Structure formats: C-alpha cells, structure tokens
Amino acid sequence: ACAIIACAVMFRRKPESNRVYLMLLVVA
C-alpha cells in the first residue's frame, strides 16, 4: 500500500531535487 502511494505521489508531483530520486532508489 505505501509503495503504491509513494509511486503515485512521485508521478503526480515530481520531486524538485535529484536527491529524492536517489533516496527512493536506495529504499528500492
């Protein structure tokens, strides 16, 4: 459930910083 929400939010409101993408990649 939380992974789906995280992906939905990311595609709807893209992060301004690449650091967010990097941290999400670490989580994955």
PDB file of all heavy atoms in Angstrom:
ATOM      1  N   ALA A   1       0.831  -1.213   0.000  1.00  0.00           N
ATOM      2  CA  ALA A   1       0.000   0.000   0.000  1.00  0.00           C
ATOM      3  C   ALA A   1       0.861   1.257   0.000  1.00  0.00           C
ATOM      4  O   ALA A   1       0.626   2.189  -0.786  1.00  0.00           O
ATOM      5  CB  ALA A   1      -0.927  -0.016   1.209  1.00  0.00           C
ATOM      6  N   CYS A   2       1.858   1.312   0.867  1.00  0.00           N
ATOM      7  CA  CYS A   2       2.714   2.505   0.958  1.00  0.00           C
ATOM      8  C   CYS A   2       3.574   2.673  -0.292  1.00  0.00           C
ATOM      9  O   CYS A   2       3.821   3.805  -0.730  1.00  0.00           O
ATOM     10  CB  CYS A   2       3.593   2.427   2.207  1.00  0.00           C
ATOM     11  SG  CYS A   2       2.691   2.596   3.750  1.00  0.00           S
ATOM     12  N   ALA A   3       4.024   1.561  -0.877  1.00  0.00           N
ATOM     13  CA  ALA A   3       4.818   1.643  -2.107  1.00  0.00           C
ATOM     14  C   ALA A   3       3.980   2.197  -3.252  1.00  0.00           C
ATOM     15  O   ALA A   3       4.458   3.019  -4.050  1.00  0.00           O
ATOM     16  CB  ALA A   3       5.373   0.262  -2.458  1.00  0.00           C
ATOM     17  N   ILE A   4       2.724   1.777  -3.347  1.00  0.00           N
ATOM     18  CA  ILE A   4       1.833   2.293  -4.397  1.00  0.00           C
ATOM     19  C   ILE A   4       1.606   3.794  -4.211  1.00  0.00           C
ATOM     20  O   ILE A   4       1.647   4.569  -5.172  1.00  0.00           O
ATOM     21  CB  ILE A   4       0.495   1.523  -4.376  1.00  0.00           C
ATOM     22  CG1 ILE A   4       0.708   0.093  -4.858  1.00  0.00           C
ATOM     23  CG2 ILE A   4      -0.551   2.233  -5.235  1.00  0.00           C
ATOM     24  CD1 ILE A   4      -0.513  -0.796  -4.711  1.00  0.00           C
ATOM     25  N   ILE A   5       1.369   4.214  -2.969  1.00  0.00           N
ATOM     26  CA  ILE A   5       1.165   5.639  -2.696  1.00  0.00           C
ATOM     27  C   ILE A   5       2.417   6.432  -3.043  1.00  0.00           C
ATOM     28  O   ILE A   5       2.338   7.518  -3.649  1.00  0.00           O
ATOM     29  CB  ILE A   5       0.775   5.848  -1.223  1.00  0.00           C
ATOM     30  CG1 ILE A   5      -0.585   5.214  -0.936  1.00  0.00           C
ATOM     31  CG2 ILE A   5       0.740   7.335  -0.879  1.00  0.00           C
ATOM     32  CD1 ILE A   5      -0.969   5.212   0.524  1.00  0.00           C
ATOM     33  N   ALA A   6       3.598   5.913  -2.669  1.00  0.00           N
ATOM     34  CA  ALA A   6       4.851   6.612  -2.964  1.00  0.00           C
ATOM     35  C   ALA A   6       5.040   6.797  -4.463  1.00  0.00           C
ATOM     36  O   ALA A   6       5.415   7.886  -4.933  1.00  0.00           O
ATOM     37  CB  ALA A   6       6.029   5.832  -2.372  1.00  0.00           C
ATOM     38  N   CYS A   7       4.757   5.751  -5.240  1.00  0.00           N
ATOM     39  CA  CYS A   7       4.896   5.844  -6.700  1.00  0.00           C
ATOM     40  C   CYS A   7       3.869   6.810  -7.294  1.00  0.00           C
ATOM     41  O   CYS A   7       4.192   7.613  -8.176  1.00  0.00           O
ATOM     42  CB  CYS A   7       4.739   4.465  -7.325  1.00  0.00           C
ATOM     43  SG  CYS A   7       6.070   3.308  -6.919  1.00  0.00           S
ATOM     44  N   ALA A   8       2.636   6.743  -6.790  1.00  0.00           N
ATOM     45  CA  ALA A   8       1.579   7.617  -7.309  1.00  0.00           C
ATOM     46  C   ALA A   8       1.910   9.082  -7.051  1.00  0.00           C
ATOM     47  O   ALA A   8       1.746   9.934  -7.937  1.00  0.00           O
ATOM     48  CB  ALA A   8       0.245   7.246  -6.671  1.00  0.00           C
ATOM     49  N   VAL A   9       2.394   9.378  -5.839  1.00  0.00           N
ATOM     50  CA  VAL A   9       2.752  10.760  -5.495  1.00  0.00           C
ATOM     51  C   VAL A   9       3.926  11.231  -6.340  1.00  0.00           C
ATOM     52  O   VAL A   9       3.946  12.377  -6.820  1.00  0.00           O
ATOM     53  CB  VAL A   9       3.069  10.876  -3.994  1.00  0.00           C
ATOM     54  CG1 VAL A   9       3.651  12.246  -3.675  1.00  0.00           C
ATOM     55  CG2 VAL A   9       1.820  10.633  -3.169  1.00  0.00           C
ATOM     56  N   MET A  10       4.902  10.351  -6.562  1.00  0.00           N
ATOM     57  CA  MET A  10       6.091  10.738  -7.322  1.00  0.00           C
ATOM     58  C   MET A  10       5.724  11.084  -8.766  1.00  0.00           C
ATOM     59  O   MET A  10       6.233  12.056  -9.338  1.00  0.00           O
ATOM     60  CB  MET A  10       7.118   9.611  -7.293  1.00  0.00           C
ATOM     61  CG  MET A  10       8.429   9.963  -7.993  1.00  0.00           C
ATOM     62  SD  MET A  10       9.659   8.641  -7.840  1.00  0.00           S
ATOM     63  CE  MET A  10       8.833   7.322  -8.724  1.00  0.00           C
ATOM     64  N   PHE A  11       4.837  10.304  -9.381  1.00  0.00           N
ATOM     65  CA  PHE A  11       4.455  10.580 -10.762  1.00  0.00           C
ATOM     66  C   PHE A  11       3.537  11.791 -10.869  1.00  0.00           C
ATOM     67  O   PHE A  11       3.530  12.493 -11.880  1.00  0.00           O
ATOM     68  CB  PHE A  11       3.780   9.356 -11.377  1.00  0.00           C
ATOM     69  CG  PHE A  11       4.738   8.241 -11.678  1.00  0.00           C
ATOM     70  CD1 PHE A  11       4.623   7.008 -11.061  1.00  0.00           C
ATOM     71  CD2 PHE A  11       5.778   8.434 -12.582  1.00  0.00           C
ATOM     72  CE1 PHE A  11       5.510   5.983 -11.333  1.00  0.00           C
ATOM     73  CE2 PHE A  11       6.682   7.414 -12.867  1.00  0.00           C
ATOM     74  CZ  PHE A  11       6.546   6.182 -12.236  1.00  0.00           C
ATOM     75  N   ARG A  12       2.764  12.042  -9.814  1.00  0.00           N
ATOM     76  CA  ARG A  12       1.844  13.173  -9.846  1.00  0.00           C
ATOM     77  C   ARG A  12       2.556  14.480  -9.527  1.00  0.00           C
ATOM     78  O   ARG A  12       2.266  15.515 -10.119  1.00  0.00           O
ATOM     79  CB  ARG A  12       0.712  12.932  -8.850  1.00  0.00           C
ATOM     80  CG  ARG A  12      -0.346  14.008  -8.866  1.00  0.00           C
ATOM     81  CD  ARG A  12      -1.479  13.679  -7.902  1.00  0.00           C
ATOM     82  NE  ARG A  12      -2.481  14.734  -7.901  1.00  0.00           N
ATOM     83  CZ  ARG A  12      -3.566  14.727  -7.129  1.00  0.00           C
ATOM     84  NH1 ARG A  12      -3.783  13.702  -6.313  1.00  0.00           N
ATOM     85  NH2 ARG A  12      -4.421  15.723  -7.176  1.00  0.00           N
ATOM     86  N   ARG A  13       3.476  14.418  -8.552  1.00  0.00           N
ATOM     87  CA  ARG A  13       4.208  15.623  -8.164  1.00  0.00           C
ATOM     88  C   ARG A  13       5.695  15.287  -8.138  1.00  0.00           C
ATOM     89  O   ARG A  13       6.231  14.820  -7.157  1.00  0.00           O
ATOM     90  CB  ARG A  13       3.749  16.097  -6.776  1.00  0.00           C
ATOM     91  CG  ARG A  13       4.218  17.497  -6.439  1.00  0.00           C
ATOM     92  CD  ARG A  13       3.754  17.906  -5.065  1.00  0.00           C
ATOM     93  NE  ARG A  13       4.477  17.198  -4.015  1.00  0.00           N
ATOM     94  CZ  ARG A  13       4.214  17.334  -2.715  1.00  0.00           C
ATOM     95  NH1 ARG A  13       3.243  18.105  -2.321  1.00  0.00           N
ATOM     96  NH2 ARG A  13       4.911  16.668  -1.818  1.00  0.00           N
ATOM     97  N   LYS A  14       6.334  15.515  -9.263  1.00  0.00           N
ATOM     98  CA  LYS A  14       7.725  15.119  -9.398  1.00  0.00           C
ATOM     99  C   LYS A  14       8.617  15.911  -8.451  1.00  0.00           C
ATOM    100  O   LYS A  14       8.463  17.125  -8.305  1.00  0.00           O
ATOM    101  CB  LYS A  14       8.191  15.327 -10.839  1.00  0.00           C
ATOM    102  CG  LYS A  14       7.487  14.397 -11.830  1.00  0.00           C
ATOM    103  CD  LYS A  14       8.050  14.551 -13.234  1.00  0.00           C
ATOM    104  CE  LYS A  14       7.361  13.575 -14.180  1.00  0.00           C
ATOM    105  NZ  LYS A  14       7.888  13.680 -15.549  1.00  0.00           N
ATOM    106  N   PRO A  15       9.570  15.221  -7.799  1.00  0.00           N
ATOM    107  CA  PRO A  15      10.487  15.915  -6.874  1.00  0.00           C
ATOM    108  C   PRO A  15      11.348  16.931  -7.610  1.00  0.00           C
ATOM    109  O   PRO A  15      11.739  16.734  -8.769  1.00  0.00           O
ATOM    110  CB  PRO A  15      11.345  14.773  -6.310  1.00  0.00           C
ATOM    111  CG  PRO A  15      10.557  13.524  -6.563  1.00  0.00           C
ATOM    112  CD  PRO A  15       9.790  13.772  -7.822  1.00  0.00           C
ATOM    113  N   GLU A  16      11.619  18.025  -6.915  1.00  0.00           N
ATOM    114  CA  GLU A  16      12.457  19.064  -7.497  1.00  0.00           C
ATOM    115  C   GLU A  16      13.938  18.718  -7.399  1.00  0.00           C
ATOM    116  O   GLU A  16      14.744  19.220  -8.169  1.00  0.00           O
ATOM    117  CB  GLU A  16      12.199  20.395  -6.782  1.00  0.00           C
ATOM    118  CG  GLU A  16      10.762  20.900  -6.950  1.00  0.00           C
ATOM    119  CD  GLU A  16      10.524  22.183  -6.179  1.00  0.00           C
ATOM    120  OE1 GLU A  16      11.465  22.649  -5.501  1.00  0.00           O
ATOM    121  OE2 GLU A  16       9.399  22.722  -6.239  1.00  0.00           O
ATOM    122  N   SER A  17      14.285  17.878  -6.443  1.00  0.00           N
ATOM    123  CA  SER A  17      15.687  17.537  -6.234  1.00  0.00           C
ATOM    124  C   SER A  17      15.956  16.094  -6.652  1.00  0.00           C
ATOM    125  O   SER A  17      15.134  15.193  -6.409  1.00  0.00           O
ATOM    126  CB  SER A  17      16.058  17.722  -4.756  1.00  0.00           C
ATOM    127  OG  SER A  17      17.347  17.232  -4.497  1.00  0.00           O
ATOM    128  N   ASN A  18      17.097  15.870  -7.280  1.00  0.00           N
ATOM    129  CA  ASN A  18      17.502  14.511  -7.649  1.00  0.00           C
ATOM    130  C   ASN A  18      17.821  13.667  -6.416  1.00  0.00           C
ATOM    131  O   ASN A  18      17.862  12.435  -6.501  1.00  0.00           O
ATOM    132  CB  ASN A  18      18.725  14.563  -8.565  1.00  0.00           C
ATOM    133  CG  ASN A  18      18.376  15.116  -9.937  1.00  0.00           C
ATOM    134  OD1 ASN A  18      17.239  14.964 -10.401  1.00  0.00           O
ATOM    135  ND2 ASN A  18      19.338  15.754 -10.581  1.00  0.00           N
ATOM    136  N   ARG A  19      18.050  14.331  -5.288  1.00  0.00           N
ATOM    137  CA  ARG A  19      18.365  13.605  -4.063  1.00  0.00           C
ATOM    138  C   ARG A  19      17.182  12.730  -3.625  1.00  0.00           C
ATOM    139  O   ARG A  19      17.366  11.645  -3.083  1.00  0.00           O
ATOM    140  CB  ARG A  19      18.723  14.586  -2.953  1.00  0.00           C
ATOM    141  CG  ARG A  19      19.216  13.932  -1.676  1.00  0.00           C
ATOM    142  CD  ARG A  19      19.841  14.951  -0.752  1.00  0.00           C
ATOM    143  NE  ARG A  19      18.932  16.053  -0.453  1.00  0.00           N
ATOM    144  CZ  ARG A  19      19.258  17.094   0.303  1.00  0.00           C
ATOM    145  NH1 ARG A  19      20.480  17.179   0.820  1.00  0.00           N
ATOM    146  NH2 ARG A  19      18.384  18.053   0.526  1.00  0.00           N
ATOM    147  N   VAL A  20      15.961  13.192  -3.882  1.00  0.00           N
ATOM    148  CA  VAL A  20      14.774  12.394  -3.558  1.00  0.00           C
ATOM    149  C   VAL A  20      14.767  11.111  -4.381  1.00  0.00           C
ATOM    150  O   VAL A  20      14.505  10.015  -3.854  1.00  0.00           O
ATOM    151  CB  VAL A  20      13.498  13.213  -3.803  1.00  0.00           C
ATOM    152  CG1 VAL A  20      12.257  12.347  -3.599  1.00  0.00           C
ATOM    153  CG2 VAL A  20      13.457  14.430  -2.889  1.00  0.00           C
ATOM    154  N   TYR A  21      15.073  11.222  -5.680  1.00  0.00           N
ATOM    155  CA  TYR A  21      15.136  10.035  -6.536  1.00  0.00           C
ATOM    156  C   TYR A  21      16.209   9.071  -6.033  1.00  0.00           C
ATOM    157  O   TYR A  21      16.007   7.844  -6.024  1.00  0.00           O
ATOM    158  CB  TYR A  21      15.439  10.424  -7.982  1.00  0.00           C
ATOM    159  CG  TYR A  21      14.302  11.108  -8.695  1.00  0.00           C
ATOM    160  CD1 TYR A  21      14.372  12.459  -9.001  1.00  0.00           C
ATOM    161  CD2 TYR A  21      13.160  10.400  -9.054  1.00  0.00           C
ATOM    162  CE1 TYR A  21      13.325  13.097  -9.664  1.00  0.00           C
ATOM    163  CE2 TYR A  21      12.108  11.030  -9.713  1.00  0.00           C
ATOM    164  CZ  TYR A  21      12.202  12.372 -10.009  1.00  0.00           C
ATOM    165  OH  TYR A  21      11.162  12.996 -10.660  1.00  0.00           O
ATOM    166  N   LEU A  22      17.343   9.617  -5.619  1.00  0.00           N
ATOM    167  CA  LEU A  22      18.437   8.778  -5.134  1.00  0.00           C
ATOM    168  C   LEU A  22      18.021   8.025  -3.866  1.00  0.00           C
ATOM    169  O   LEU A  22      18.274   6.824  -3.737  1.00  0.00           O
ATOM    170  CB  LEU A  22      19.667   9.647  -4.857  1.00  0.00           C
ATOM    171  CG  LEU A  22      20.913   8.911  -4.335  1.00  0.00           C
ATOM    172  CD1 LEU A  22      21.376   7.871  -5.354  1.00  0.00           C
ATOM    173  CD2 LEU A  22      22.031   9.906  -4.049  1.00  0.00           C
ATOM    174  N   MET A  23      17.349   8.728  -2.949  1.00  0.00           N
ATOM    175  CA  MET A  23      16.928   8.090  -1.700  1.00  0.00           C
ATOM    176  C   MET A  23      15.859   7.036  -1.960  1.00  0.00           C
ATOM    177  O   MET A  23      15.859   5.969  -1.338  1.00  0.00           O
ATOM    178  CB  MET A  23      16.425   9.146  -0.721  1.00  0.00           C
ATOM    179  CG  MET A  23      17.515  10.110  -0.252  1.00  0.00           C
ATOM    180  SD  MET A  23      16.931  11.361   0.905  1.00  0.00           S
ATOM    181  CE  MET A  23      16.680  10.380   2.369  1.00  0.00           C
ATOM    182  N   LEU A  24      14.937   7.298  -2.889  1.00  0.00           N
ATOM    183  CA  LEU A  24      13.935   6.292  -3.260  1.00  0.00           C
ATOM    184  C   LEU A  24      14.600   5.080  -3.902  1.00  0.00           C
ATOM    185  O   LEU A  24      14.157   3.938  -3.694  1.00  0.00           O
ATOM    186  CB  LEU A  24      12.909   6.900  -4.204  1.00  0.00           C
ATOM    187  CG  LEU A  24      11.893   7.841  -3.567  1.00  0.00           C
ATOM    188  CD1 LEU A  24      11.067   8.541  -4.639  1.00  0.00           C
ATOM    189  CD2 LEU A  24      10.976   7.074  -2.620  1.00  0.00           C
ATOM    190  N   LEU A  25      15.657   5.320  -4.664  1.00  0.00           N
ATOM    191  CA  LEU A  25      16.402   4.210  -5.273  1.00  0.00           C
ATOM    192  C   LEU A  25      17.064   3.357  -4.193  1.00  0.00           C
ATOM    193  O   LEU A  25      17.091   2.119  -4.295  1.00  0.00           O
ATOM    194  CB  LEU A  25      17.453   4.768  -6.243  1.00  0.00           C
ATOM    195  CG  LEU A  25      18.209   3.741  -7.090  1.00  0.00           C
ATOM    196  CD1 LEU A  25      17.231   2.986  -7.993  1.00  0.00           C
ATOM    197  CD2 LEU A  25      19.288   4.421  -7.929  1.00  0.00           C
ATOM    198  N   VAL A  26      17.568   3.995  -3.148  1.00  0.00           N
ATOM    199  CA  VAL A  26      18.177   3.264  -2.034  1.00  0.00           C
ATOM    200  C   VAL A  26      17.109   2.411  -1.331  1.00  0.00           C
ATOM    201  O   VAL A  26      17.348   1.242  -0.997  1.00  0.00           O
ATOM    202  CB  VAL A  26      18.841   4.240  -1.043  1.00  0.00           C
ATOM    203  CG1 VAL A  26      19.254   3.508   0.234  1.00  0.00           C
ATOM    204  CG2 VAL A  26      20.045   4.914  -1.681  1.00  0.00           C
ATOM    205  N   VAL A  27      15.932   2.998  -1.109  1.00  0.00           N
ATOM    206  CA  VAL A  27      14.829   2.249  -0.483  1.00  0.00           C
ATOM    207  C   VAL A  27      14.475   1.032  -1.328  1.00  0.00           C
ATOM    208  O   VAL A  27      14.297  -0.087  -0.808  1.00  0.00           O
ATOM    209  CB  VAL A  27      13.594   3.157  -0.295  1.00  0.00           C
ATOM    210  CG1 VAL A  27      12.375   2.338   0.113  1.00  0.00           C
ATOM    211  CG2 VAL A  27      13.875   4.229   0.747  1.00  0.00           C
ATOM    212  N   ALA A  28      14.381   1.208  -2.654  1.00  0.00           N
ATOM    213  CA  ALA A  28      14.056   0.095  -3.552  1.00  0.00           C
ATOM    214  C   ALA A  28      15.144  -0.973  -3.519  1.00  0.00           C
ATOM    215  O   ALA A  28      14.845  -2.176  -3.550  1.00  0.00           O
ATOM    216  CB  ALA A  28      13.852   0.619  -4.970  1.00  0.00           C
TER     217      ALA A  28
END
